[in-house]
């Protein structure tokens, strides 16, 4: 699982406007806690999905083992993934997943 944290100088950044103006919102890799990874895999299994783009809000949480509390917003089963710098690697992972069942 990979995740990116989006940050913006705007008090209430819009995810949609930042995707149209990539420079308006900074994105950086962030570690996904194992408990969240487990929950995401259970979600995908429950709905029979092999892929999903998950949206979360992150809230500072100094009382937990992780610095953030992950708040689930939605899963897009065919989310847009072509814009990040590693889109080629994502496309390769899709191809591997699709071919996995055909040659097993």
N, C-alpha and C. Protein backbone atom coordinates (compact mmCIF):
# COMPACT_ATOMS: atom_id res chain seq x y z
N UNK A 1 0.84 -1.17 0.00
CA UNK A 1 0.00 0.00 0.00
C UNK A 1 0.89 1.24 0.00
N UNK A 2 0.50 2.20 -0.81
CA UNK A 2 1.19 3.48 -0.84
C UNK A 2 0.18 4.57 -0.56
N UNK A 3 0.66 5.63 0.05
CA UNK A 3 -0.21 6.76 0.32
C UNK A 3 0.58 8.04 0.13
N UNK A 4 -0.13 9.09 -0.22
CA UNK A 4 0.46 10.42 -0.31
C UNK A 4 -0.35 11.36 0.55
N UNK A 5 0.35 12.19 1.26
CA UNK A 5 -0.31 13.20 2.07
C UNK A 5 -0.28 14.51 1.29
N UNK A 6 -1.44 15.11 1.10
CA UNK A 6 -1.54 16.38 0.39
C UNK A 6 -1.64 17.50 1.42
N UNK A 7 -0.82 18.53 1.24
CA UNK A 7 -0.86 19.69 2.12
C UNK A 7 -0.96 20.94 1.28
N UNK A 8 -1.57 21.96 1.83
CA UNK A 8 -1.77 23.20 1.09
C UNK A 8 -1.70 24.38 2.05
N UNK A 9 -1.21 25.53 1.57
CA UNK A 9 -1.21 26.71 2.42
C UNK A 9 -2.62 27.29 2.62
N UNK A 10 -3.57 26.86 1.79
CA UNK A 10 -4.95 27.36 1.91
C UNK A 10 -5.59 26.79 3.18
N UNK A 11 -6.43 27.57 3.86
CA UNK A 11 -7.05 27.08 5.09
C UNK A 11 -7.95 25.87 4.86
N UNK A 12 -8.63 25.80 3.73
CA UNK A 12 -9.49 24.66 3.38
C UNK A 12 -9.20 24.29 1.93
N UNK A 13 -8.11 23.53 1.71
CA UNK A 13 -7.75 23.22 0.31
C UNK A 13 -8.79 22.33 -0.35
N UNK A 14 -8.97 22.55 -1.64
CA UNK A 14 -9.88 21.73 -2.43
C UNK A 14 -9.08 20.68 -3.16
N UNK A 15 -9.39 19.40 -2.92
CA UNK A 15 -8.68 18.32 -3.60
C UNK A 15 -8.89 18.44 -5.10
N UNK A 16 -10.09 18.81 -5.52
CA UNK A 16 -10.37 18.88 -6.96
C UNK A 16 -9.59 19.99 -7.63
N UNK A 17 -9.53 21.18 -7.03
CA UNK A 17 -8.78 22.26 -7.66
C UNK A 17 -7.29 21.97 -7.64
N UNK A 18 -6.80 21.26 -6.61
CA UNK A 18 -5.38 20.96 -6.55
C UNK A 18 -4.98 19.94 -7.60
N UNK A 19 -5.91 19.08 -8.02
CA UNK A 19 -5.57 18.11 -9.06
C UNK A 19 -5.48 18.79 -10.43
N UNK A 20 -6.18 19.92 -10.59
CA UNK A 20 -6.10 20.66 -11.84
C UNK A 20 -4.89 21.59 -11.86
N UNK A 21 -4.43 22.02 -10.69
CA UNK A 21 -3.26 22.89 -10.56
C UNK A 21 -2.26 22.19 -9.64
N UNK A 22 -1.46 21.26 -10.18
CA UNK A 22 -0.60 20.43 -9.34
C UNK A 22 0.30 21.21 -8.39
N UNK A 23 0.72 22.42 -8.75
CA UNK A 23 1.61 23.19 -7.89
C UNK A 23 0.92 23.80 -6.68
N UNK A 24 -0.42 23.79 -6.65
CA UNK A 24 -1.14 24.45 -5.56
C UNK A 24 -1.25 23.58 -4.31
N UNK A 25 -0.87 22.32 -4.41
CA UNK A 25 -1.02 21.40 -3.30
C UNK A 25 0.17 20.44 -3.30
N UNK A 26 0.94 20.43 -2.21
CA UNK A 26 2.11 19.55 -2.14
C UNK A 26 1.68 18.14 -1.73
N UNK A 27 2.31 17.15 -2.35
CA UNK A 27 2.02 15.75 -2.00
C UNK A 27 3.33 15.07 -1.63
N UNK A 28 3.29 14.30 -0.56
CA UNK A 28 4.48 13.58 -0.13
C UNK A 28 4.08 12.20 0.38
N UNK A 29 4.99 11.20 0.20
CA UNK A 29 4.67 9.85 0.68
C UNK A 29 4.46 9.83 2.19
N UNK A 30 3.60 8.94 2.64
CA UNK A 30 3.32 8.79 4.06
C UNK A 30 3.12 7.31 4.36
N UNK A 31 3.57 6.87 5.52
CA UNK A 31 3.44 5.47 5.91
C UNK A 31 2.00 5.18 6.30
N UNK A 32 1.48 4.08 5.77
CA UNK A 32 0.12 3.64 6.10
C UNK A 32 0.23 2.65 7.26
N UNK A 33 -0.42 2.93 8.39
CA UNK A 33 -0.34 2.01 9.54
C UNK A 33 -0.89 0.63 9.18
N UNK A 34 -0.32 -0.41 9.79
CA UNK A 34 -0.73 -1.78 9.48
C UNK A 34 -2.21 -2.01 9.76
N UNK A 35 -2.76 -1.34 10.77
CA UNK A 35 -4.19 -1.51 11.07
C UNK A 35 -5.05 -0.96 9.93
N UNK A 36 -4.60 0.12 9.29
CA UNK A 36 -5.34 0.70 8.16
C UNK A 36 -5.20 -0.22 6.94
N UNK A 37 -4.00 -0.75 6.70
CA UNK A 37 -3.78 -1.68 5.59
C UNK A 37 -4.71 -2.89 5.75
N UNK A 38 -4.79 -3.44 6.95
CA UNK A 38 -5.66 -4.58 7.22
C UNK A 38 -7.11 -4.24 6.90
N UNK A 39 -7.57 -3.06 7.35
CA UNK A 39 -8.95 -2.64 7.11
C UNK A 39 -9.23 -2.43 5.62
N UNK A 40 -8.26 -1.87 4.89
CA UNK A 40 -8.44 -1.64 3.46
C UNK A 40 -8.55 -2.96 2.70
N UNK A 41 -7.71 -3.91 3.07
CA UNK A 41 -7.78 -5.22 2.40
C UNK A 41 -9.11 -5.92 2.71
N UNK A 42 -9.58 -5.79 3.94
CA UNK A 42 -10.88 -6.38 4.30
C UNK A 42 -12.00 -5.71 3.50
N UNK A 43 -11.92 -4.40 3.32
CA UNK A 43 -12.92 -3.65 2.54
C UNK A 43 -12.93 -4.16 1.10
N UNK A 44 -11.73 -4.27 0.48
CA UNK A 44 -11.64 -4.74 -0.89
C UNK A 44 -12.20 -6.15 -1.02
N UNK A 45 -11.82 -7.03 -0.08
CA UNK A 45 -12.33 -8.41 -0.11
C UNK A 45 -13.84 -8.45 0.02
N UNK A 46 -14.38 -7.66 0.93
CA UNK A 46 -15.83 -7.66 1.17
C UNK A 46 -16.61 -7.30 -0.10
N UNK A 47 -16.08 -6.33 -0.85
CA UNK A 47 -16.78 -5.88 -2.05
C UNK A 47 -16.28 -6.54 -3.34
N UNK A 48 -15.38 -7.53 -3.21
CA UNK A 48 -14.89 -8.24 -4.38
C UNK A 48 -14.05 -7.38 -5.30
N UNK A 49 -13.31 -6.44 -4.75
CA UNK A 49 -12.49 -5.53 -5.54
C UNK A 49 -11.02 -5.94 -5.45
N UNK A 50 -10.26 -5.69 -6.50
CA UNK A 50 -8.81 -5.91 -6.45
C UNK A 50 -8.06 -4.59 -6.38
N UNK A 51 -8.78 -3.48 -6.51
CA UNK A 51 -8.16 -2.16 -6.50
C UNK A 51 -9.15 -1.15 -5.96
N UNK A 52 -8.64 -0.13 -5.32
CA UNK A 52 -9.46 1.00 -4.88
C UNK A 52 -8.57 2.17 -4.52
N UNK A 53 -8.99 3.37 -4.87
CA UNK A 53 -8.32 4.59 -4.43
C UNK A 53 -9.10 5.08 -3.21
N UNK A 54 -8.45 5.06 -2.07
CA UNK A 54 -9.10 5.43 -0.83
C UNK A 54 -8.76 6.86 -0.46
N UNK A 55 -9.75 7.59 0.01
CA UNK A 55 -9.55 8.96 0.49
C UNK A 55 -9.74 8.97 2.00
N UNK A 56 -8.81 9.62 2.67
CA UNK A 56 -8.84 9.77 4.12
C UNK A 56 -8.60 11.22 4.49
N UNK A 57 -9.10 11.61 5.63
CA UNK A 57 -8.69 12.85 6.27
C UNK A 57 -7.76 12.43 7.40
N UNK A 58 -6.67 13.16 7.58
CA UNK A 58 -5.73 12.85 8.65
C UNK A 58 -5.83 13.91 9.72
N UNK A 59 -5.98 13.46 10.93
CA UNK A 59 -6.11 14.38 12.07
C UNK A 59 -4.94 14.10 13.02
N UNK A 60 -4.27 15.14 13.48
CA UNK A 60 -3.15 14.96 14.40
C UNK A 60 -3.63 14.21 15.64
N UNK A 61 -2.81 13.25 16.08
CA UNK A 61 -3.17 12.43 17.23
C UNK A 61 -1.90 12.02 17.98
N UNK A 62 -1.52 12.81 18.96
CA UNK A 62 -0.30 12.53 19.71
C UNK A 62 -0.49 11.44 20.75
N UNK A 63 -1.71 10.99 20.99
CA UNK A 63 -1.95 9.98 22.02
C UNK A 63 -1.81 8.56 21.50
N UNK A 64 -1.76 8.38 20.20
CA UNK A 64 -1.70 7.03 19.62
C UNK A 64 -0.28 6.70 19.18
N UNK A 65 -0.06 5.47 18.73
CA UNK A 65 1.24 5.06 18.21
C UNK A 65 1.57 5.77 16.91
N UNK A 66 0.56 6.14 16.16
CA UNK A 66 0.72 6.82 14.88
C UNK A 66 0.46 8.30 15.11
N UNK A 67 1.17 9.20 14.40
CA UNK A 67 0.93 10.63 14.62
C UNK A 67 -0.41 11.13 14.09
N UNK A 68 -1.12 10.29 13.34
CA UNK A 68 -2.40 10.71 12.77
C UNK A 68 -3.51 9.73 13.10
N UNK A 69 -4.71 10.28 13.17
CA UNK A 69 -5.92 9.46 13.20
C UNK A 69 -6.44 9.47 11.77
N UNK A 70 -6.60 8.28 11.18
CA UNK A 70 -7.02 8.15 9.79
C UNK A 70 -8.54 8.06 9.76
N UNK A 71 -9.19 9.03 9.09
CA UNK A 71 -10.65 9.09 9.00
C UNK A 71 -11.05 8.73 7.57
N UNK A 72 -11.72 7.58 7.42
CA UNK A 72 -12.12 7.10 6.09
C UNK A 72 -13.19 8.01 5.50
N UNK A 73 -12.99 8.42 4.24
CA UNK A 73 -13.97 9.24 3.54
C UNK A 73 -14.70 8.45 2.45
N UNK A 74 -13.93 7.78 1.58
CA UNK A 74 -14.55 7.03 0.50
C UNK A 74 -13.54 6.13 -0.19
N UNK A 75 -14.07 5.19 -0.96
CA UNK A 75 -13.26 4.36 -1.84
C UNK A 75 -13.77 4.55 -3.26
N UNK A 76 -12.86 4.88 -4.15
CA UNK A 76 -13.19 4.99 -5.57
C UNK A 76 -12.64 3.73 -6.24
N UNK A 77 -13.51 2.79 -6.65
CA UNK A 77 -13.03 1.52 -7.20
C UNK A 77 -12.35 1.67 -8.56
N UNK A 78 -12.45 2.83 -9.17
CA UNK A 78 -11.73 3.09 -10.41
C UNK A 78 -11.20 4.52 -10.36
N UNK A 79 -10.56 4.85 -9.24
CA UNK A 79 -10.08 6.21 -9.02
C UNK A 79 -9.02 6.63 -10.03
N UNK A 80 -8.82 7.93 -10.12
CA UNK A 80 -7.83 8.46 -11.04
C UNK A 80 -6.44 8.29 -10.43
N UNK A 81 -5.58 7.60 -11.15
CA UNK A 81 -4.24 7.31 -10.64
C UNK A 81 -3.17 7.70 -11.66
N UNK A 82 -3.54 8.27 -12.78
CA UNK A 82 -2.58 8.57 -13.84
C UNK A 82 -1.75 9.82 -13.62
N UNK A 83 -2.05 10.61 -12.60
CA UNK A 83 -1.35 11.87 -12.42
C UNK A 83 -0.09 11.80 -11.56
N UNK A 84 0.08 10.82 -10.65
CA UNK A 84 1.29 10.87 -9.83
C UNK A 84 2.54 10.50 -10.64
N UNK A 85 3.70 10.90 -10.14
CA UNK A 85 4.95 10.61 -10.87
C UNK A 85 5.19 9.12 -11.10
N UNK A 86 4.67 8.25 -10.23
CA UNK A 86 4.90 6.81 -10.39
C UNK A 86 3.72 6.10 -11.07
N UNK A 87 3.01 6.81 -11.95
CA UNK A 87 1.86 6.24 -12.66
C UNK A 87 2.26 5.01 -13.48
N UNK A 88 3.47 5.01 -14.04
CA UNK A 88 3.93 3.86 -14.81
C UNK A 88 4.03 2.61 -13.95
N UNK A 89 4.50 2.76 -12.72
CA UNK A 89 4.59 1.62 -11.80
C UNK A 89 3.20 1.13 -11.42
N UNK A 90 2.26 2.05 -11.27
CA UNK A 90 0.88 1.67 -10.95
C UNK A 90 0.27 0.90 -12.11
N UNK A 91 0.51 1.38 -13.34
CA UNK A 91 0.00 0.68 -14.53
C UNK A 91 0.60 -0.73 -14.61
N UNK A 92 1.88 -0.85 -14.28
CA UNK A 92 2.53 -2.16 -14.28
C UNK A 92 1.91 -3.10 -13.26
N UNK A 93 1.60 -2.57 -12.08
CA UNK A 93 0.96 -3.38 -11.04
C UNK A 93 -0.43 -3.83 -11.48
N UNK A 94 -1.17 -2.96 -12.15
CA UNK A 94 -2.48 -3.34 -12.70
C UNK A 94 -2.32 -4.49 -13.69
N UNK A 95 -1.35 -4.35 -14.60
CA UNK A 95 -1.14 -5.38 -15.62
C UNK A 95 -0.80 -6.72 -14.96
N UNK A 96 0.08 -6.69 -13.97
CA UNK A 96 0.44 -7.93 -13.25
C UNK A 96 -0.79 -8.56 -12.61
N UNK A 97 -1.62 -7.75 -11.97
CA UNK A 97 -2.83 -8.24 -11.30
C UNK A 97 -3.79 -8.87 -12.30
N UNK A 98 -3.97 -8.22 -13.44
CA UNK A 98 -4.88 -8.74 -14.45
C UNK A 98 -4.37 -10.05 -15.05
N UNK A 99 -3.08 -10.14 -15.28
CA UNK A 99 -2.50 -11.33 -15.89
C UNK A 99 -2.36 -12.49 -14.90
N UNK A 100 -2.32 -12.18 -13.63
CA UNK A 100 -2.12 -13.19 -12.59
C UNK A 100 -3.11 -14.35 -12.70
N UNK A 101 -4.37 -14.05 -12.87
CA UNK A 101 -5.39 -15.08 -12.95
C UNK A 101 -5.38 -15.86 -14.26
N UNK A 102 -4.87 -15.26 -15.32
CA UNK A 102 -4.90 -15.90 -16.64
C UNK A 102 -3.83 -16.98 -16.80
N UNK A 103 -2.72 -16.81 -16.10
CA UNK A 103 -1.61 -17.74 -16.29
C UNK A 103 -1.34 -18.59 -15.06
N UNK A 104 -2.24 -18.56 -14.10
CA UNK A 104 -2.03 -19.33 -12.87
C UNK A 104 -2.36 -20.80 -13.08
